């Protein structure tokens, strides 16, 4: 309205009121995993998705190479 101060745009930078749908987020991550494999030959998995013996070996390798999380 005329004569009233405008609302600052800084409020648009805050966290959104609604969080992203977890299923939509999962789908986006899965799509990125598939694209990484097809385009670059990169396999993206979480340690919990691996068999226990492979998880231990990869965790040790990653910590040796990149440091602890």
PDB file of N, CA and C in Angstrom:
ATOM      1  N   UNK A   1       0.837  -1.187   0.000  1.00  0.00           N
ATOM      2  CA  UNK A   1       0.000   0.000   0.000  1.00  0.00           C
ATOM      3  C   UNK A   1       0.875   1.241   0.000  1.00  0.00           C
ATOM      4  N   UNK A   2       0.337   2.244  -0.562  1.00  0.00           N
ATOM      5  CA  UNK A   2       1.065   3.497  -0.646  1.00  0.00           C
ATOM      6  C   UNK A   2       1.217   4.095   0.748  1.00  0.00           C
ATOM      7  N   UNK A   3       2.439   4.538   1.023  1.00  0.00           N
ATOM      8  CA  UNK A   3       2.690   5.167   2.302  1.00  0.00           C
ATOM      9  C   UNK A   3       3.152   4.207   3.383  1.00  0.00           C
ATOM     10  N   UNK A   4       3.109   2.901   3.145  1.00  0.00           N
ATOM     11  CA  UNK A   4       3.578   1.931   4.132  1.00  0.00           C
ATOM     12  C   UNK A   4       4.956   1.417   3.722  1.00  0.00           C
ATOM     13  N   UNK A   5       5.803   1.120   4.699  1.00  0.00           N
ATOM     14  CA  UNK A   5       7.143   0.651   4.368  1.00  0.00           C
ATOM     15  C   UNK A   5       7.078  -0.736   3.699  1.00  0.00           C
ATOM     16  N   UNK A   6       8.007  -0.976   2.778  1.00  0.00           N
ATOM     17  CA  UNK A   6       8.041  -2.281   2.107  1.00  0.00           C
ATOM     18  C   UNK A   6       8.666  -3.314   3.043  1.00  0.00           C
ATOM     19  N   UNK A   7       8.330  -4.552   2.818  1.00  0.00           N
ATOM     20  CA  UNK A   7       8.876  -5.640   3.626  1.00  0.00           C
ATOM     21  C   UNK A   7      10.209  -6.051   3.022  1.00  0.00           C
ATOM     22  N   UNK A   8      11.192  -6.193   3.865  1.00  0.00           N
ATOM     23  CA  UNK A   8      12.538  -6.543   3.409  1.00  0.00           C
ATOM     24  C   UNK A   8      12.554  -7.922   2.756  1.00  0.00           C
ATOM     25  N   UNK A   9      13.383  -8.065   1.722  1.00  0.00           N
ATOM     26  CA  UNK A   9      13.517  -9.353   1.034  1.00  0.00           C
ATOM     27  C   UNK A   9      14.379 -10.335   1.820  1.00  0.00           C
ATOM     28  N   UNK A  10      14.965  -9.914   2.915  1.00  0.00           N
ATOM     29  CA  UNK A  10      15.816 -10.792   3.723  1.00  0.00           C
ATOM     30  C   UNK A  10      15.017 -11.983   4.255  1.00  0.00           C
ATOM     31  N   UNK A  11      13.727 -11.822   4.419  1.00  0.00           N
ATOM     32  CA  UNK A  11      12.897 -12.893   4.960  1.00  0.00           C
ATOM     33  C   UNK A  11      12.765 -14.072   3.993  1.00  0.00           C
ATOM     34  N   UNK A  12      13.022 -13.831   2.719  1.00  0.00           N
ATOM     35  CA  UNK A  12      12.976 -14.919   1.744  1.00  0.00           C
ATOM     36  C   UNK A  12      14.181 -15.848   1.854  1.00  0.00           C
ATOM     37  N   UNK A  13      15.232 -15.410   2.522  1.00  0.00           N
ATOM     38  CA  UNK A  13      16.456 -16.202   2.644  1.00  0.00           C
ATOM     39  C   UNK A  13      16.415 -17.189   3.801  1.00  0.00           C
ATOM     40  N   UNK A  14      15.454 -17.095   4.662  1.00  0.00           N
ATOM     41  CA  UNK A  14      15.343 -17.981   5.809  1.00  0.00           C
ATOM     42  C   UNK A  14      14.921 -19.381   5.411  1.00  0.00           C
ATOM     43  N   UNK A  15      14.853 -20.274   6.399  1.00  0.00           N
ATOM     44  CA  UNK A  15      14.424 -21.635   6.115  1.00  0.00           C
ATOM     45  C   UNK A  15      12.959 -21.639   5.719  1.00  0.00           C
ATOM     46  N   UNK A  16      12.610 -22.446   4.761  1.00  0.00           N
ATOM     47  CA  UNK A  16      11.208 -22.493   4.333  1.00  0.00           C
ATOM     48  C   UNK A  16      10.332 -23.103   5.428  1.00  0.00           C
ATOM     49  N   UNK A  17       9.076 -22.714   5.419  1.00  0.00           N
ATOM     50  CA  UNK A  17       8.145 -23.230   6.419  1.00  0.00           C
ATOM     51  C   UNK A  17       7.928 -24.729   6.254  1.00  0.00           C
ATOM     52  N   UNK A  18       7.864 -25.177   5.010  1.00  0.00           N
ATOM     53  CA  UNK A  18       7.628 -26.588   4.748  1.00  0.00           C
ATOM     54  C   UNK A  18       8.924 -27.263   4.334  1.00  0.00           C
ATOM     55  N   UNK A  19       9.242 -28.381   4.970  1.00  0.00           N
ATOM     56  CA  UNK A  19      10.430 -29.137   4.601  1.00  0.00           C
ATOM     57  C   UNK A  19      10.136 -29.951   3.349  1.00  0.00           C
ATOM     58  N   UNK A  20      11.186 -30.288   2.621  1.00  0.00           N
ATOM     59  CA  UNK A  20      11.016 -31.062   1.399  1.00  0.00           C
ATOM     60  C   UNK A  20      10.495 -32.454   1.722  1.00  0.00           C
ATOM     61  N   UNK A  21       9.642 -32.954   0.874  1.00  0.00           N
ATOM     62  CA  UNK A  21       9.087 -34.288   1.018  1.00  0.00           C
ATOM     63  C   UNK A  21      10.226 -35.308   0.985  1.00  0.00           C
ATOM     64  N   UNK A  22      10.349 -36.180   1.989  1.00  0.00           N
ATOM     65  CA  UNK A  22      11.442 -37.160   2.019  1.00  0.00           C
ATOM     66  C   UNK A  22      11.474 -38.074   0.799  1.00  0.00           C
ATOM     67  N   UNK A  23      10.320 -38.449   0.282  1.00  0.00           N
ATOM     68  CA  UNK A  23      10.281 -39.314  -0.897  1.00  0.00           C
ATOM     69  C   UNK A  23      10.816 -38.580  -2.125  1.00  0.00           C
ATOM     70  N   UNK A  24      10.492 -37.319  -2.248  1.00  0.00           N
ATOM     71  CA  UNK A  24      11.006 -36.518  -3.361  1.00  0.00           C
ATOM     72  C   UNK A  24      12.524 -36.359  -3.246  1.00  0.00           C
ATOM     73  N   UNK A  25      13.013 -36.124  -2.033  1.00  0.00           N
ATOM     74  CA  UNK A  25      14.453 -35.993  -1.802  1.00  0.00           C
ATOM     75  C   UNK A  25      15.167 -37.298  -2.150  1.00  0.00           C
ATOM     76  N   UNK A  26      14.616 -38.437  -1.713  1.00  0.00           N
ATOM     77  CA  UNK A  26      15.195 -39.743  -2.015  1.00  0.00           C
ATOM     78  C   UNK A  26      15.258 -39.955  -3.533  1.00  0.00           C
ATOM     79  N   UNK A  27      14.193 -39.612  -4.238  1.00  0.00           N
ATOM     80  CA  UNK A  27      14.158 -39.766  -5.681  1.00  0.00           C
ATOM     81  C   UNK A  27      15.212 -38.926  -6.378  1.00  0.00           C
ATOM     82  N   UNK A  28      15.426 -37.711  -5.876  1.00  0.00           N
ATOM     83  CA  UNK A  28      16.435 -36.839  -6.469  1.00  0.00           C
ATOM     84  C   UNK A  28      17.837 -37.416  -6.266  1.00  0.00           C
ATOM     85  N   UNK A  29      18.094 -37.952  -5.074  1.00  0.00           N
ATOM     86  CA  UNK A  29      19.400 -38.551  -4.784  1.00  0.00           C
ATOM     87  C   UNK A  29      19.617 -39.799  -5.628  1.00  0.00           C
ATOM     88  N   UNK A  30      18.589 -40.635  -5.759  1.00  0.00           N
ATOM     89  CA  UNK A  30      18.706 -41.838  -6.587  1.00  0.00           C
ATOM     90  C   UNK A  30      18.971 -41.479  -8.045  1.00  0.00           C
ATOM     91  N   UNK A  31      18.344 -40.445  -8.536  1.00  0.00           N
ATOM     92  CA  UNK A  31      18.572 -40.005  -9.911  1.00  0.00           C
ATOM     93  C   UNK A  31      20.022 -39.549 -10.093  1.00  0.00           C
ATOM     94  N   UNK A  32      20.564 -38.850  -9.112  1.00  0.00           N
ATOM     95  CA  UNK A  32      21.960 -38.415  -9.183  1.00  0.00           C
ATOM     96  C   UNK A  32      22.905 -39.610  -9.163  1.00  0.00           C
ATOM     97  N   UNK A  33      22.584 -40.632  -8.350  1.00  0.00           N
ATOM     98  CA  UNK A  33      23.409 -41.842  -8.305  1.00  0.00           C
ATOM     99  C   UNK A  33      23.446 -42.525  -9.673  1.00  0.00           C
ATOM    100  N   UNK A  34      22.278 -42.673 -10.286  1.00  0.00           N
ATOM    101  CA  UNK A  34      22.211 -43.320 -11.603  1.00  0.00           C
ATOM    102  C   UNK A  34      22.990 -42.528 -12.648  1.00  0.00           C
ATOM    103  N   UNK A  35      22.820 -41.217 -12.616  1.00  0.00           N
ATOM    104  CA  UNK A  35      23.516 -40.363 -13.584  1.00  0.00           C
ATOM    105  C   UNK A  35      25.034 -40.435 -13.378  1.00  0.00           C
ATOM    106  N   UNK A  36      25.489 -40.462 -12.135  1.00  0.00           N
ATOM    107  CA  UNK A  36      26.927 -40.565 -11.845  1.00  0.00           C
ATOM    108  C   UNK A  36      27.487 -41.879 -12.375  1.00  0.00           C
ATOM    109  N   UNK A  37      26.729 -42.961 -12.236  1.00  0.00           N
ATOM    110  CA  UNK A  37      27.186 -44.257 -12.730  1.00  0.00           C
ATOM    111  C   UNK A  37      27.257 -44.265 -14.252  1.00  0.00           C
ATOM    112  N   UNK A  38      26.183 -43.826 -14.900  1.00  0.00           N
ATOM    113  CA  UNK A  38      26.133 -43.884 -16.361  1.00  0.00           C
ATOM    114  C   UNK A  38      27.119 -42.934 -17.023  1.00  0.00           C
ATOM    115  N   UNK A  39      27.264 -41.738 -16.486  1.00  0.00           N
ATOM    116  CA  UNK A  39      28.095 -40.734 -17.144  1.00  0.00           C
ATOM    117  C   UNK A  39      29.570 -40.816 -16.760  1.00  0.00           C
ATOM    118  N   UNK A  40      29.841 -41.201 -15.496  1.00  0.00           N
ATOM    119  CA  UNK A  40      31.225 -41.122 -15.008  1.00  0.00           C
ATOM    120  C   UNK A  40      31.783 -42.448 -14.497  1.00  0.00           C
ATOM    121  N   UNK A  41      30.937 -43.466 -14.374  1.00  0.00           N
ATOM    122  CA  UNK A  41      31.412 -44.731 -13.819  1.00  0.00           C
ATOM    123  C   UNK A  41      31.624 -44.673 -12.316  1.00  0.00           C
ATOM    124  N   UNK A  42      30.972 -43.741 -11.657  1.00  0.00           N
ATOM    125  CA  UNK A  42      31.104 -43.558 -10.212  1.00  0.00           C
ATOM    126  C   UNK A  42      29.939 -44.245  -9.515  1.00  0.00           C
ATOM    127  N   UNK A  43      30.264 -45.068  -8.521  1.00  0.00           N
ATOM    128  CA  UNK A  43      29.235 -45.735  -7.725  1.00  0.00           C
ATOM    129  C   UNK A  43      29.115 -44.991  -6.400  1.00  0.00           C
ATOM    130  N   UNK A  44      27.920 -44.551  -6.079  1.00  0.00           N
ATOM    131  CA  UNK A  44      27.680 -43.809  -4.840  1.00  0.00           C
ATOM    132  C   UNK A  44      26.781 -44.640  -3.937  1.00  0.00           C
ATOM    133  N   UNK A  45      27.335 -45.081  -2.807  1.00  0.00           N
ATOM    134  CA  UNK A  45      26.570 -45.851  -1.829  1.00  0.00           C
ATOM    135  C   UNK A  45      26.898 -45.333  -0.441  1.00  0.00           C
ATOM    136  N   UNK A  46      25.993 -45.561   0.482  1.00  0.00           N
ATOM    137  CA  UNK A  46      26.299 -45.283   1.881  1.00  0.00           C
ATOM    138  C   UNK A  46      26.896 -46.556   2.477  1.00  0.00           C
ATOM    139  N   UNK A  47      27.671 -46.414   3.520  1.00  0.00           N
ATOM    140  CA  UNK A  47      28.303 -47.584   4.120  1.00  0.00           C
ATOM    141  C   UNK A  47      27.281 -48.598   4.614  1.00  0.00           C
ATOM    142  N   UNK A  48      26.139 -48.122   5.053  1.00  0.00           N
ATOM    143  CA  UNK A  48      25.121 -49.040   5.575  1.00  0.00           C
ATOM    144  C   UNK A  48      24.524 -49.927   4.485  1.00  0.00           C
ATOM    145  N   UNK A  49      24.715 -49.574   3.216  1.00  0.00           N
ATOM    146  CA  UNK A  49      24.204 -50.373   2.110  1.00  0.00           C
ATOM    147  C   UNK A  49      25.146 -51.512   1.720  1.00  0.00           C
ATOM    148  N   UNK A  50      26.335 -51.529   2.281  1.00  0.00           N
ATOM    149  CA  UNK A  50      27.351 -52.511   1.910  1.00  0.00           C
ATOM    150  C   UNK A  50      27.341 -53.713   2.853  1.00  0.00           C
ATOM    151  N   UNK A  51      27.841 -54.860   2.376  1.00  0.00           N
ATOM    152  CA  UNK A  51      28.034 -55.999   3.277  1.00  0.00           C
ATOM    153  C   UNK A  51      29.048 -55.612   4.358  1.00  0.00           C
ATOM    154  N   UNK A  52      28.918 -56.167   5.567  1.00  0.00           N
ATOM    155  CA  UNK A  52      29.765 -55.750   6.700  1.00  0.00           C
ATOM    156  C   UNK A  52      31.274 -55.792   6.417  1.00  0.00           C
ATOM    157  N   UNK A  53      31.770 -56.858   5.785  1.00  0.00           N
ATOM    158  CA  UNK A  53      33.211 -56.940   5.558  1.00  0.00           C
ATOM    159  C   UNK A  53      33.687 -55.862   4.576  1.00  0.00           C
ATOM    160  N   UNK A  54      32.910 -55.603   3.545  1.00  0.00           N
ATOM    161  CA  UNK A  54      33.264 -54.565   2.580  1.00  0.00           C
ATOM    162  C   UNK A  54      33.138 -53.177   3.199  1.00  0.00           C
ATOM    163  N   UNK A  55      32.147 -53.007   4.049  1.00  0.00           N
ATOM    164  CA  UNK A  55      31.973 -51.721   4.742  1.00  0.00           C
ATOM    165  C   UNK A  55      33.219 -51.384   5.552  1.00  0.00           C
ATOM    166  N   UNK A  56      33.720 -52.362   6.305  1.00  0.00           N
ATOM    167  CA  UNK A  56      34.901 -52.151   7.144  1.00  0.00           C
ATOM    168  C   UNK A  56      36.109 -51.785   6.293  1.00  0.00           C
ATOM    169  N   UNK A  57      36.308 -52.504   5.198  1.00  0.00           N
ATOM    170  CA  UNK A  57      37.457 -52.244   4.335  1.00  0.00           C
ATOM    171  C   UNK A  57      37.370 -50.864   3.680  1.00  0.00           C
ATOM    172  N   UNK A  58      36.205 -50.517   3.181  1.00  0.00           N
ATOM    173  CA  UNK A  58      36.062 -49.208   2.531  1.00  0.00           C
ATOM    174  C   UNK A  58      36.163 -48.058   3.526  1.00  0.00           C
ATOM    175  N   UNK A  59      35.627 -48.253   4.718  1.00  0.00           N
ATOM    176  CA  UNK A  59      35.738 -47.219   5.748  1.00  0.00           C
ATOM    177  C   UNK A  59      37.209 -46.973   6.076  1.00  0.00           C
ATOM    178  N   UNK A  60      37.969 -48.048   6.261  1.00  0.00           N
ATOM    179  CA  UNK A  60      39.392 -47.925   6.576  1.00  0.00           C
ATOM    180  C   UNK A  60      40.142 -47.243   5.439  1.00  0.00           C
ATOM    181  N   UNK A  61      39.839 -47.637   4.205  1.00  0.00           N
ATOM    182  CA  UNK A  61      40.485 -47.035   3.045  1.00  0.00           C
ATOM    183  C   UNK A  61      40.194 -45.536   2.971  1.00  0.00           C
ATOM    184  N   UNK A  62      38.931 -45.169   3.160  1.00  0.00           N
ATOM    185  CA  UNK A  62      38.536 -43.758   3.086  1.00  0.00           C
ATOM    186  C   UNK A  62      39.177 -42.947   4.201  1.00  0.00           C
ATOM    187  N   UNK A  63      39.253 -43.515   5.405  1.00  0.00           N
ATOM    188  CA  UNK A  63      39.875 -42.793   6.521  1.00  0.00           C
ATOM    189  C   UNK A  63      41.364 -42.617   6.284  1.00  0.00           C
ATOM    190  N   UNK A  64      42.010 -43.636   5.720  1.00  0.00           N
ATOM    191  CA  UNK A  64      43.445 -43.518   5.406  1.00  0.00           C
ATOM    192  C   UNK A  64      43.689 -42.461   4.335  1.00  0.00           C
ATOM    193  N   UNK A  65      42.821 -42.453   3.350  1.00  0.00           N
ATOM    194  CA  UNK A  65      43.018 -41.557   2.210  1.00  0.00           C
ATOM    195  C   UNK A  65      42.535 -40.130   2.474  1.00  0.00           C
ATOM    196  N   UNK A  66      41.363 -39.982   3.113  1.00  0.00           N
ATOM    197  CA  UNK A  66      40.741 -38.675   3.267  1.00  0.00           C
ATOM    198  C   UNK A  66      40.650 -38.172   4.697  1.00  0.00           C
ATOM    199  N   UNK A  67      40.951 -39.015   5.676  1.00  0.00           N
ATOM    200  CA  UNK A  67      40.853 -38.625   7.077  1.00  0.00           C
ATOM    201  C   UNK A  67      39.509 -39.034   7.669  1.00  0.00           C
ATOM    202  N   UNK A  68      39.409 -38.937   8.965  1.00  0.00           N
ATOM    203  CA  UNK A  68      38.182 -39.337   9.657  1.00  0.00           C
ATOM    204  C   UNK A  68      37.057 -38.355   9.363  1.00  0.00           C
ATOM    205  N   UNK A  69      35.825 -38.874   9.444  1.00  0.00           N
ATOM    206  CA  UNK A  69      34.645 -38.030   9.238  1.00  0.00           C
ATOM    207  C   UNK A  69      34.444 -37.146  10.434  1.00  0.00           C
TER     208      UNK A  69
END
